[in-house]
Amino acid sequence: MTRADDRAALIAAMPAVFVLIWSTGFVVARYGMPHAPPMTFLAWRYALSVLAFAAWIAWARPAWPRDRTQWGHLAVAGVLMHGGYLGGVWAAVKAGIPAGTVALIVGLQPLLTALWVAWSGSEQRVGARQWLGLLLGLAGLALVVGRKFGLGEVTPFNFALSVLALASITVGTLYQKRHVAPCDVRTANAVQLLAAFAVTAPLAALEAERMVLHPELVGAMAWSVLVLTLGGSSLLYLLIQRGAATRVTSLMYLVPPCTAVLAWWLFDEALGPVVLAGIALTALGVALVVREPVPRQAATKEKTA
């Protein structure tokens, strides 16, 4: 294989690697939250991540964004995709929602993104398949969340935090794709994380609980900084900028079932028939919405073949 072939294969594998990394984020939250309040943990995570990116930038010397407008767009995207999304997820987990359930809720992000793109008229209109996918996704979510409400594991408070995370990652992804010009992933992430730290640190100062340096907390922090932030966030940025976001969304519906299995294995979270049916319905709904339609010429050739 040539160097170009190796590069193409690496880019093709990026969405799958990203989804595998992303699935661990909800499990890491369960490990870290018993030993720290959410905003304090995240403020330290952002600060350590900025230091890691700073060392990387000092060594590689990549270019920084050139104008104030791009700095501003990166900051807005960072507040939404780091501060709002992670803040909502980690606060919801701290408030008692199961990791698999919050993963299912925010797993609707590709469905909402695809519907918004279609509804805005930039690509195609919302058709019967998209509406069916939306109904199936919501039905699956209602099946799981309704049962968790009955068990007391989901409350109006932690559910609202999960919805906040869903809204933040959805709006942040759309905002970044539209407004952020291509630039180096290291400097872009540094700006985004600085913005997330700026809004998270004041909230952390208001938390009464103190962070305890338990081995599980140290492990969760190390994984969050080195794998999730430096690896996962960088991959997400690259995929959005390279236009591979559709491939990410086509695999993103695998995150909730992966997280549910991990949470069942590590934390003994319930994984009964109702939960499995809800996850399957939601995954099917997201798959229907994000699946790209077959071009008419290709469909005609298949029929005549």
C-alpha atoms as a PDB file:
ATOM      1  CA  MET A   1       0.000   0.000   0.000  1.00  0.00           C
ATOM      2  CA  THR A   2       1.158   3.529  -0.752  1.00  0.00           C
ATOM      3  CA  ARG A   3       1.322   6.317   1.799  1.00  0.00           C
ATOM      4  CA  ALA A   4      -1.881   7.761   0.287  1.00  0.00           C
ATOM      5  CA  ASP A   5      -3.632   4.398   0.750  1.00  0.00           C
ATOM      6  CA  ASP A   6      -2.483   4.219   4.366  1.00  0.00           C
ATOM      7  CA  ARG A   7      -3.798   7.733   4.976  1.00  0.00           C
ATOM      8  CA  ALA A   8      -7.145   6.885   3.346  1.00  0.00           C
ATOM      9  CA  ALA A   9      -7.472   3.733   5.453  1.00  0.00           C
ATOM     10  CA  LEU A  10      -6.675   5.695   8.605  1.00  0.00           C
ATOM     11  CA  ILE A  11      -9.304   8.332   7.800  1.00  0.00           C
ATOM     12  CA  ALA A  12     -11.865   5.615   7.010  1.00  0.00           C
ATOM     13  CA  ALA A  13     -11.262   4.009  10.410  1.00  0.00           C
ATOM     14  CA  MET A  14     -11.533   7.264  12.350  1.00  0.00           C
ATOM     15  CA  PRO A  15     -15.352   7.202  12.857  1.00  0.00           C
ATOM     16  CA  ALA A  16     -15.317   3.695  14.347  1.00  0.00           C
ATOM     17  CA  VAL A  17     -12.388   4.515  16.636  1.00  0.00           C
ATOM     18  CA  PHE A  18     -14.144   7.695  17.731  1.00  0.00           C
ATOM     19  CA  VAL A  19     -17.347   5.822  18.638  1.00  0.00           C
ATOM     20  CA  LEU A  20     -15.392   3.244  20.670  1.00  0.00           C
ATOM     21  CA  ILE A  21     -13.662   6.015  22.609  1.00  0.00           C
ATOM     22  CA  TRP A  22     -16.883   8.018  23.035  1.00  0.00           C
ATOM     23  CA  SER A  23     -18.695   5.014  24.535  1.00  0.00           C
ATOM     24  CA  THR A  24     -16.305   4.937  27.488  1.00  0.00           C
ATOM     25  CA  GLY A  25     -17.100   8.505  28.558  1.00  0.00           C
ATOM     26  CA  PHE A  26     -20.311   7.599  30.372  1.00  0.00           C
ATOM     27  CA  VAL A  27     -18.611   4.735  32.203  1.00  0.00           C
ATOM     28  CA  VAL A  28     -15.755   7.007  33.288  1.00  0.00           C
ATOM     29  CA  ALA A  29     -18.321   9.405  34.753  1.00  0.00           C
ATOM     30  CA  ARG A  30     -19.639   6.605  36.967  1.00  0.00           C
ATOM     31  CA  TYR A  31     -16.106   5.903  38.197  1.00  0.00           C
ATOM     32  CA  GLY A  32     -15.241   9.503  38.950  1.00  0.00           C
ATOM     33  CA  MET A  33     -18.462  10.970  40.367  1.00  0.00           C
ATOM     34  CA  PRO A  34     -18.479   9.171  43.752  1.00  0.00           C
ATOM     35  CA  HIS A  35     -15.236  10.991  44.591  1.00  0.00           C
ATOM     36  CA  ALA A  36     -15.763  14.513  43.208  1.00  0.00           C
ATOM     37  CA  PRO A  37     -18.481  17.032  42.374  1.00  0.00           C
ATOM     38  CA  PRO A  38     -19.061  17.281  38.606  1.00  0.00           C
ATOM     39  CA  MET A  39     -17.994  20.861  37.898  1.00  0.00           C
ATOM     40  CA  THR A  40     -14.830  20.546  40.004  1.00  0.00           C
ATOM     41  CA  PHE A  41     -13.851  17.353  38.191  1.00  0.00           C
ATOM     42  CA  LEU A  42     -14.513  18.920  34.797  1.00  0.00           C
ATOM     43  CA  ALA A  43     -12.654  22.140  35.651  1.00  0.00           C
ATOM     44  CA  TRP A  44      -9.572  20.080  36.524  1.00  0.00           C
ATOM     45  CA  ARG A  45     -10.080  17.976  33.398  1.00  0.00           C
ATOM     46  CA  TYR A  46     -10.182  21.067  31.177  1.00  0.00           C
ATOM     47  CA  ALA A  47      -7.177  22.650  32.894  1.00  0.00           C
ATOM     48  CA  LEU A  48      -5.041  19.502  32.593  1.00  0.00           C
ATOM     49  CA  SER A  49      -6.161  19.022  28.994  1.00  0.00           C
ATOM     50  CA  VAL A  50      -5.152  22.584  28.122  1.00  0.00           C
ATOM     51  CA  LEU A  51      -1.723  21.957  29.654  1.00  0.00           C
ATOM     52  CA  ALA A  52      -1.378  18.743  27.624  1.00  0.00           C
ATOM     53  CA  PHE A  53      -2.340  20.521  24.416  1.00  0.00           C
ATOM     54  CA  ALA A  54       0.007  23.399  25.296  1.00  0.00           C
ATOM     55  CA  ALA A  55       2.937  20.997  25.559  1.00  0.00           C
ATOM     56  CA  TRP A  56       1.951  19.400  22.259  1.00  0.00           C
ATOM     57  CA  ILE A  57       1.644  22.826  20.613  1.00  0.00           C
ATOM     58  CA  ALA A  58       5.005  23.998  21.988  1.00  0.00           C
ATOM     59  CA  TRP A  59       6.663  20.903  20.525  1.00  0.00           C
ATOM     60  CA  ALA A  60       4.916  20.877  17.108  1.00  0.00           C
ATOM     61  CA  ARG A  61       4.397  24.655  16.709  1.00  0.00           C
ATOM     62  CA  PRO A  62       1.165  24.496  14.682  1.00  0.00           C
ATOM     63  CA  ALA A  63      -0.593  27.649  13.470  1.00  0.00           C
ATOM     64  CA  TRP A  64      -3.156  29.385  15.681  1.00  0.00           C
ATOM     65  CA  PRO A  65      -6.472  30.748  14.341  1.00  0.00           C
ATOM     66  CA  ARG A  66      -5.690  34.019  12.583  1.00  0.00           C
ATOM     67  CA  ASP A  67      -8.581  36.326  13.459  1.00  0.00           C
ATOM     68  CA  ARG A  68     -10.778  37.171  16.424  1.00  0.00           C
ATOM     69  CA  THR A  69     -13.895  35.889  14.690  1.00  0.00           C
ATOM     70  CA  GLN A  70     -12.550  32.332  14.536  1.00  0.00           C
ATOM     71  CA  TRP A  71     -11.416  32.534  18.159  1.00  0.00           C
ATOM     72  CA  GLY A  72     -14.957  33.570  19.054  1.00  0.00           C
ATOM     73  CA  HIS A  73     -16.568  30.773  17.041  1.00  0.00           C
ATOM     74  CA  LEU A  74     -14.212  28.211  18.594  1.00  0.00           C
ATOM     75  CA  ALA A  75     -15.031  29.523  22.067  1.00  0.00           C
ATOM     76  CA  VAL A  76     -18.786  29.241  21.487  1.00  0.00           C
ATOM     77  CA  ALA A  77     -18.394  25.702  20.148  1.00  0.00           C
ATOM     78  CA  GLY A  78     -16.193  24.810  23.118  1.00  0.00           C
ATOM     79  CA  VAL A  79     -18.717  26.091  25.660  1.00  0.00           C
ATOM     80  CA  LEU A  80     -21.453  24.037  23.996  1.00  0.00           C
ATOM     81  CA  MET A  81     -19.566  20.830  23.135  1.00  0.00           C
ATOM     82  CA  HIS A  82     -17.452  20.661  26.295  1.00  0.00           C
ATOM     83  CA  GLY A  83     -19.025  22.833  28.964  1.00  0.00           C
ATOM     84  CA  GLY A  84     -22.698  22.229  28.211  1.00  0.00           C
ATOM     85  CA  TYR A  85     -22.513  18.652  27.009  1.00  0.00           C
ATOM     86  CA  LEU A  86     -20.068  17.242  29.541  1.00  0.00           C
ATOM     87  CA  GLY A  87     -21.436  19.416  32.328  1.00  0.00           C
ATOM     88  CA  GLY A  88     -24.930  18.066  31.705  1.00  0.00           C
ATOM     89  CA  VAL A  89     -23.823  14.432  31.469  1.00  0.00           C
ATOM     90  CA  TRP A  90     -21.592  14.462  34.548  1.00  0.00           C
ATOM     91  CA  ALA A  91     -24.088  16.408  36.650  1.00  0.00           C
ATOM     92  CA  ALA A  92     -26.843  13.980  35.609  1.00  0.00           C
ATOM     93  CA  VAL A  93     -24.714  10.974  36.579  1.00  0.00           C
ATOM     94  CA  LYS A  94     -23.892  12.639  39.900  1.00  0.00           C
ATOM     95  CA  ALA A  95     -27.643  13.129  40.399  1.00  0.00           C
ATOM     96  CA  GLY A  96     -28.178   9.393  40.080  1.00  0.00           C
ATOM     97  CA  ILE A  97     -29.130   8.657  36.489  1.00  0.00           C
ATOM     98  CA  PRO A  98     -27.685   5.356  35.183  1.00  0.00           C
ATOM     99  CA  ALA A  99     -24.829   5.652  32.691  1.00  0.00           C
ATOM    100  CA  GLY A 100     -26.685   3.589  30.091  1.00  0.00           C
ATOM    101  CA  THR A 101     -29.778   5.802  30.352  1.00  0.00           C
ATOM    102  CA  VAL A 102     -27.959   9.109  29.896  1.00  0.00           C
ATOM    103  CA  ALA A 103     -26.065   7.563  26.969  1.00  0.00           C
ATOM    104  CA  LEU A 104     -29.412   6.656  25.408  1.00  0.00           C
ATOM    105  CA  ILE A 105     -30.771  10.192  25.851  1.00  0.00           C
ATOM    106  CA  VAL A 106     -27.767  11.988  24.350  1.00  0.00           C
ATOM    107  CA  GLY A 107     -27.593   9.222  21.728  1.00  0.00           C
ATOM    108  CA  LEU A 108     -30.516  10.962  20.037  1.00  0.00           C
ATOM    109  CA  GLN A 109     -28.071  13.679  18.919  1.00  0.00           C
ATOM    110  CA  PRO A 110     -27.502  12.304  15.376  1.00  0.00           C
ATOM    111  CA  LEU A 111     -31.260  11.938  14.953  1.00  0.00           C
ATOM    112  CA  LEU A 112     -31.882  15.573  15.908  1.00  0.00           C
ATOM    113  CA  THR A 113     -28.952  16.752  13.787  1.00  0.00           C
ATOM    114  CA  ALA A 114     -30.168  14.898  10.699  1.00  0.00           C
ATOM    115  CA  LEU A 115     -33.719  16.156  11.162  1.00  0.00           C
ATOM    116  CA  TRP A 116     -32.520  19.741  11.576  1.00  0.00           C
ATOM    117  CA  VAL A 117     -30.388  19.530   8.416  1.00  0.00           C
ATOM    118  CA  ALA A 118     -33.355  18.150   6.480  1.00  0.00           C
ATOM    119  CA  TRP A 119     -35.848  20.596   8.025  1.00  0.00           C
ATOM    120  CA  SER A 120     -33.625  23.597   7.272  1.00  0.00           C
ATOM    121  CA  GLY A 121     -33.775  22.702   3.591  1.00  0.00           C
ATOM    122  CA  SER A 122     -30.005  22.626   3.122  1.00  0.00           C
ATOM    123  CA  GLU A 123     -30.115  19.062   1.797  1.00  0.00           C
ATOM    124  CA  GLN A 124     -33.438  17.224   1.597  1.00  0.00           C
ATOM    125  CA  ARG A 125     -36.870  17.551   3.093  1.00  0.00           C
ATOM    126  CA  VAL A 126     -38.078  15.522   6.061  1.00  0.00           C
ATOM    127  CA  GLY A 127     -39.721  12.449   4.573  1.00  0.00           C
ATOM    128  CA  ALA A 128     -41.774   9.576   5.914  1.00  0.00           C
ATOM    129  CA  ARG A 129     -38.656   7.571   6.772  1.00  0.00           C
ATOM    130  CA  GLN A 130     -37.273  10.379   8.925  1.00  0.00           C
ATOM    131  CA  TRP A 131     -40.561  10.838  10.770  1.00  0.00           C
ATOM    132  CA  LEU A 132     -40.787   7.083  11.355  1.00  0.00           C
ATOM    133  CA  GLY A 133     -37.228   7.111  12.703  1.00  0.00           C
ATOM    134  CA  LEU A 134     -38.055   9.999  15.014  1.00  0.00           C
ATOM    135  CA  LEU A 135     -41.129   8.210  16.373  1.00  0.00           C
ATOM    136  CA  LEU A 136     -39.193   4.963  16.900  1.00  0.00           C
ATOM    137  CA  GLY A 137     -36.333   6.784  18.620  1.00  0.00           C
ATOM    138  CA  LEU A 138     -38.678   8.622  20.956  1.00  0.00           C
ATOM    139  CA  ALA A 139     -40.646   5.424  21.636  1.00  0.00           C
ATOM    140  CA  GLY A 140     -37.480   3.576  22.595  1.00  0.00           C
ATOM    141  CA  LEU A 141     -36.376   6.431  24.827  1.00  0.00           C
ATOM    142  CA  ALA A 142     -39.809   6.588  26.498  1.00  0.00           C
ATOM    143  CA  LEU A 143     -39.719   2.832  27.085  1.00  0.00           C
ATOM    144  CA  VAL A 144     -36.413   2.963  28.941  1.00  0.00           C
ATOM    145  CA  VAL A 145     -36.818   6.302  30.706  1.00  0.00           C
ATOM    146  CA  GLY A 146     -40.409   5.540  31.734  1.00  0.00           C
ATOM    147  CA  ARG A 147     -39.272   2.344  33.446  1.00  0.00           C
ATOM    148  CA  LYS A 148     -36.380   4.148  35.131  1.00  0.00           C
ATOM    149  CA  PHE A 149     -38.778   6.848  36.354  1.00  0.00           C
ATOM    150  CA  GLY A 150     -40.854   4.116  37.957  1.00  0.00           C
ATOM    151  CA  LEU A 151     -37.793   2.708  39.698  1.00  0.00           C
ATOM    152  CA  GLY A 152     -36.724   6.149  40.915  1.00  0.00           C
ATOM    153  CA  GLU A 153     -33.439   6.051  38.982  1.00  0.00           C
ATOM    154  CA  VAL A 154     -34.550   8.881  36.678  1.00  0.00           C
ATOM    155  CA  THR A 155     -35.925  12.058  38.215  1.00  0.00           C
ATOM    156  CA  PRO A 156     -37.152  15.274  36.588  1.00  0.00           C
ATOM    157  CA  PHE A 157     -33.872  16.909  37.674  1.00  0.00           C
ATOM    158  CA  ASN A 158     -31.361  14.422  36.265  1.00  0.00           C
ATOM    159  CA  PHE A 159     -33.515  13.962  33.151  1.00  0.00           C
ATOM    160  CA  ALA A 160     -33.448  17.741  32.553  1.00  0.00           C
ATOM    161  CA  LEU A 161     -29.653  17.719  32.920  1.00  0.00           C
ATOM    162  CA  SER A 162     -29.433  14.933  30.339  1.00  0.00           C
ATOM    163  CA  VAL A 163     -31.641  16.888  27.918  1.00  0.00           C
ATOM    164  CA  LEU A 164     -29.392  19.927  28.454  1.00  0.00           C
ATOM    165  CA  ALA A 165     -26.410  17.789  27.445  1.00  0.00           C
ATOM    166  CA  LEU A 166     -28.289  16.541  24.371  1.00  0.00           C
ATOM    167  CA  ALA A 167     -29.196  20.088  23.304  1.00  0.00           C
ATOM    168  CA  SER A 168     -25.626  21.317  23.855  1.00  0.00           C
ATOM    169  CA  ILE A 169     -23.912  18.627  21.778  1.00  0.00           C
ATOM    170  CA  THR A 170     -26.495  18.964  19.002  1.00  0.00           C
ATOM    171  CA  VAL A 171     -26.286  22.753  18.739  1.00  0.00           C
ATOM    172  CA  GLY A 172     -22.512  22.705  19.231  1.00  0.00           C
ATOM    173  CA  THR A 173     -21.959  20.229  16.388  1.00  0.00           C
ATOM    174  CA  LEU A 174     -24.143  22.233  14.008  1.00  0.00           C
ATOM    175  CA  TYR A 175     -22.507  25.503  15.071  1.00  0.00           C
ATOM    176  CA  GLN A 176     -18.977  24.189  14.609  1.00  0.00           C
ATOM    177  CA  LYS A 177     -19.741  22.713  11.201  1.00  0.00           C
ATOM    178  CA  ARG A 178     -21.230  25.997   9.986  1.00  0.00           C
ATOM    179  CA  HIS A 179     -19.030  28.663  11.557  1.00  0.00           C
ATOM    180  CA  VAL A 180     -15.617  27.203  12.436  1.00  0.00           C
ATOM    181  CA  ALA A 181     -13.141  27.349   9.565  1.00  0.00           C
ATOM    182  CA  PRO A 182     -10.633  24.496   9.171  1.00  0.00           C
ATOM    183  CA  CYS A 183      -7.618  24.990  11.427  1.00  0.00           C
ATOM    184  CA  ASP A 184      -5.160  22.909  13.395  1.00  0.00           C
ATOM    185  CA  VAL A 185      -6.937  20.484  15.737  1.00  0.00           C
ATOM    186  CA  ARG A 186      -4.493  21.092  18.597  1.00  0.00           C
ATOM    187  CA  THR A 187      -4.821  24.866  18.730  1.00  0.00           C
ATOM    188  CA  ALA A 188      -8.577  24.644  18.082  1.00  0.00           C
ATOM    189  CA  ASN A 189      -9.053  22.243  20.998  1.00  0.00           C
ATOM    190  CA  ALA A 190      -6.908  24.427  23.259  1.00  0.00           C
ATOM    191  CA  VAL A 191      -9.164  27.431  22.556  1.00  0.00           C
ATOM    192  CA  GLN A 192     -12.344  25.389  23.046  1.00  0.00           C
ATOM    193  CA  LEU A 193     -11.149  23.899  26.322  1.00  0.00           C
ATOM    194  CA  LEU A 194     -10.075  27.296  27.642  1.00  0.00           C
ATOM    195  CA  ALA A 195     -13.587  28.593  26.937  1.00  0.00           C
ATOM    196  CA  ALA A 196     -15.134  25.568  28.652  1.00  0.00           C
ATOM    197  CA  PHE A 197     -12.857  26.091  31.669  1.00  0.00           C
ATOM    198  CA  ALA A 198     -13.843  29.760  31.848  1.00  0.00           C
ATOM    199  CA  VAL A 199     -17.536  28.900  32.280  1.00  0.00           C
ATOM    200  CA  THR A 200     -16.999  25.779  34.428  1.00  0.00           C
ATOM    201  CA  ALA A 201     -14.498  27.081  37.006  1.00  0.00           C
ATOM    202  CA  PRO A 202     -16.931  29.608  38.558  1.00  0.00           C
ATOM    203  CA  LEU A 203     -19.544  26.849  38.907  1.00  0.00           C
ATOM    204  CA  ALA A 204     -16.950  24.587  40.520  1.00  0.00           C
ATOM    205  CA  ALA A 205     -16.210  27.289  43.103  1.00  0.00           C
ATOM    206  CA  LEU A 206     -19.851  27.114  44.213  1.00  0.00           C
ATOM    207  CA  GLU A 207     -19.779  23.364  44.934  1.00  0.00           C
ATOM    208  CA  ALA A 208     -19.609  22.475  48.619  1.00  0.00           C
ATOM    209  CA  GLU A 209     -18.336  18.917  48.108  1.00  0.00           C
ATOM    210  CA  ARG A 210     -14.590  18.451  47.908  1.00  0.00           C
ATOM    211  CA  MET A 211     -12.638  16.199  45.552  1.00  0.00           C
ATOM    212  CA  VAL A 212     -11.068  13.089  47.127  1.00  0.00           C
ATOM    213  CA  LEU A 213      -7.941  11.668  45.473  1.00  0.00           C
ATOM    214  CA  HIS A 214      -9.200   8.093  45.292  1.00  0.00           C
ATOM    215  CA  PRO A 215      -7.479   5.706  42.809  1.00  0.00           C
ATOM    216  CA  GLU A 216     -10.742   5.481  40.840  1.00  0.00           C
ATOM    217  CA  LEU A 217     -10.817   9.266  40.558  1.00  0.00           C
ATOM    218  CA  VAL A 218      -7.187   9.410  39.400  1.00  0.00           C
ATOM    219  CA  GLY A 219      -7.871   6.725  36.799  1.00  0.00           C
ATOM    220  CA  ALA A 220     -11.018   8.492  35.601  1.00  0.00           C
ATOM    221  CA  MET A 221      -9.146  11.790  35.313  1.00  0.00           C
ATOM    222  CA  ALA A 222      -6.237  10.241  33.411  1.00  0.00           C
ATOM    223  CA  TRP A 223      -8.575   8.488  30.972  1.00  0.00           C
ATOM    224  CA  SER A 224     -10.680  11.643  30.548  1.00  0.00           C
ATOM    225  CA  VAL A 225      -7.682  13.839  29.718  1.00  0.00           C
ATOM    226  CA  LEU A 226      -5.484  11.498  27.698  1.00  0.00           C
ATOM    227  CA  VAL A 227      -8.058   9.386  25.850  1.00  0.00           C
ATOM    228  CA  LEU A 228     -11.386  11.211  25.819  1.00  0.00           C
ATOM    229  CA  THR A 229     -10.183  14.799  25.416  1.00  0.00           C
ATOM    230  CA  LEU A 230      -6.888  14.474  23.535  1.00  0.00           C
ATOM    231  CA  GLY A 231      -8.141  11.485  21.540  1.00  0.00           C
ATOM    232  CA  GLY A 232     -11.937  11.619  21.290  1.00  0.00           C
ATOM    233  CA  SER A 233     -12.421  15.377  21.055  1.00  0.00           C
ATOM    234  CA  SER A 234      -9.611  15.714  18.524  1.00  0.00           C
ATOM    235  CA  LEU A 235     -11.129  12.966  16.383  1.00  0.00           C
ATOM    236  CA  LEU A 236     -14.566  14.593  16.562  1.00  0.00           C
ATOM    237  CA  TYR A 237     -13.115  17.937  15.458  1.00  0.00           C
ATOM    238  CA  LEU A 238     -11.244  16.334  12.572  1.00  0.00           C
ATOM    239  CA  LEU A 239     -14.281  14.355  11.433  1.00  0.00           C
ATOM    240  CA  ILE A 240     -16.547  17.391  11.435  1.00  0.00           C
ATOM    241  CA  GLN A 241     -13.994  19.467   9.523  1.00  0.00           C
ATOM    242  CA  ARG A 242     -13.336  16.702   7.004  1.00  0.00           C
ATOM    243  CA  GLY A 243     -17.043  16.315   6.285  1.00  0.00           C
ATOM    244  CA  ALA A 244     -17.135  12.803   7.747  1.00  0.00           C
ATOM    245  CA  ALA A 245     -19.804  13.731  10.280  1.00  0.00           C
ATOM    246  CA  THR A 246     -22.348  11.602   8.416  1.00  0.00           C
ATOM    247  CA  ARG A 247     -20.196   8.513   8.993  1.00  0.00           C
ATOM    248  CA  VAL A 248     -19.952   9.403  12.672  1.00  0.00           C
ATOM    249  CA  THR A 249     -23.719   9.713  12.995  1.00  0.00           C
ATOM    250  CA  SER A 250     -24.224   6.417  11.181  1.00  0.00           C
ATOM    251  CA  LEU A 251     -22.189   4.709  13.917  1.00  0.00           C
ATOM    252  CA  MET A 252     -23.213   6.907  16.852  1.00  0.00           C
ATOM    253  CA  TYR A 253     -26.354   4.865  17.487  1.00  0.00           C
ATOM    254  CA  LEU A 254     -24.036   2.045  18.598  1.00  0.00           C
ATOM    255  CA  VAL A 255     -22.884   4.123  21.592  1.00  0.00           C
ATOM    256  CA  PRO A 256     -25.973   3.535  23.836  1.00  0.00           C
ATOM    257  CA  PRO A 257     -25.937  -0.283  23.531  1.00  0.00           C
ATOM    258  CA  CYS A 258     -22.151  -0.373  24.032  1.00  0.00           C
ATOM    259  CA  THR A 259     -22.460   1.840  27.099  1.00  0.00           C
ATOM    260  CA  ALA A 260     -25.378  -0.204  28.453  1.00  0.00           C
ATOM    261  CA  VAL A 261     -23.374  -3.427  28.191  1.00  0.00           C
ATOM    262  CA  LEU A 262     -20.323  -1.825  29.834  1.00  0.00           C
ATOM    263  CA  ALA A 263     -22.472  -0.376  32.639  1.00  0.00           C
ATOM    264  CA  TRP A 264     -24.136  -3.763  33.191  1.00  0.00           C
ATOM    265  CA  TRP A 265     -20.760  -5.503  33.289  1.00  0.00           C
ATOM    266  CA  LEU A 266     -18.950  -2.968  35.503  1.00  0.00           C
ATOM    267  CA  PHE A 267     -21.734  -1.511  37.676  1.00  0.00           C
ATOM    268  CA  ASP A 268     -24.487  -4.153  37.511  1.00  0.00           C
ATOM    269  CA  GLU A 269     -26.934  -1.694  35.935  1.00  0.00           C
ATOM    270  CA  ALA A 270     -30.176  -3.440  34.955  1.00  0.00           C
ATOM    271  CA  LEU A 271     -30.194  -4.725  31.384  1.00  0.00           C
ATOM    272  CA  GLY A 272     -33.545  -6.509  31.138  1.00  0.00           C
ATOM    273  CA  PRO A 273     -35.867  -7.118  28.155  1.00  0.00           C
ATOM    274  CA  VAL A 274     -37.542  -3.696  28.445  1.00  0.00           C
ATOM    275  CA  VAL A 275     -34.221  -1.838  28.402  1.00  0.00           C
ATOM    276  CA  LEU A 276     -32.918  -3.925  25.506  1.00  0.00           C
ATOM    277  CA  ALA A 277     -36.128  -3.343  23.535  1.00  0.00           C
ATOM    278  CA  GLY A 278     -35.923   0.406  24.153  1.00  0.00           C
ATOM    279  CA  ILE A 279     -32.279   0.550  23.063  1.00  0.00           C
ATOM    280  CA  ALA A 280     -33.074  -1.471  19.933  1.00  0.00           C
ATOM    281  CA  LEU A 281     -35.998   0.818  19.023  1.00  0.00           C
ATOM    282  CA  THR A 282     -33.891   3.936  19.532  1.00  0.00           C
ATOM    283  CA  ALA A 283     -30.979   2.536  17.509  1.00  0.00           C
ATOM    284  CA  LEU A 284     -33.348   1.599  14.683  1.00  0.00           C
ATOM    285  CA  GLY A 285     -34.907   5.057  14.746  1.00  0.00           C
ATOM    286  CA  VAL A 286     -31.545   6.819  14.575  1.00  0.00           C
ATOM    287  CA  ALA A 287     -30.385   4.472  11.810  1.00  0.00           C
ATOM    288  CA  LEU A 288     -33.478   5.260   9.717  1.00  0.00           C
ATOM    289  CA  VAL A 289     -32.966   9.001  10.077  1.00  0.00           C
ATOM    290  CA  VAL A 290     -29.241   9.157   9.371  1.00  0.00           C
ATOM    291  CA  ARG A 291     -29.218   6.585   6.534  1.00  0.00           C
ATOM    292  CA  GLU A 292     -28.424   8.304   3.288  1.00  0.00           C
ATOM    293  CA  PRO A 293     -31.023   7.759   0.556  1.00  0.00           C
ATOM    294  CA  VAL A 294     -30.018   5.684  -2.461  1.00  0.00           C
ATOM    295  CA  PRO A 295     -29.636   7.906  -5.549  1.00  0.00           C
ATOM    296  CA  ARG A 296     -32.314   7.317  -8.172  1.00  0.00           C
ATOM    297  CA  GLN A 297     -29.831   6.236 -10.837  1.00  0.00           C
ATOM    298  CA  ALA A 298     -28.281   3.668  -8.496  1.00  0.00           C
ATOM    299  CA  ALA A 299     -31.704   2.390  -7.473  1.00  0.00           C
ATOM    300  CA  THR A 300     -32.723   2.015 -11.153  1.00  0.00           C
ATOM    301  CA  LYS A 301     -29.562   0.049 -11.940  1.00  0.00           C
ATOM    302  CA  GLU A 302     -30.209  -2.288  -8.985  1.00  0.00           C
ATOM    303  CA  LYS A 303     -33.725  -2.996 -10.200  1.00  0.00           C
ATOM    304  CA  THR A 304     -32.654  -3.699 -13.781  1.00  0.00           C
ATOM    305  CA  ALA A 305     -29.674  -5.826 -12.770  1.00  0.00           C
END
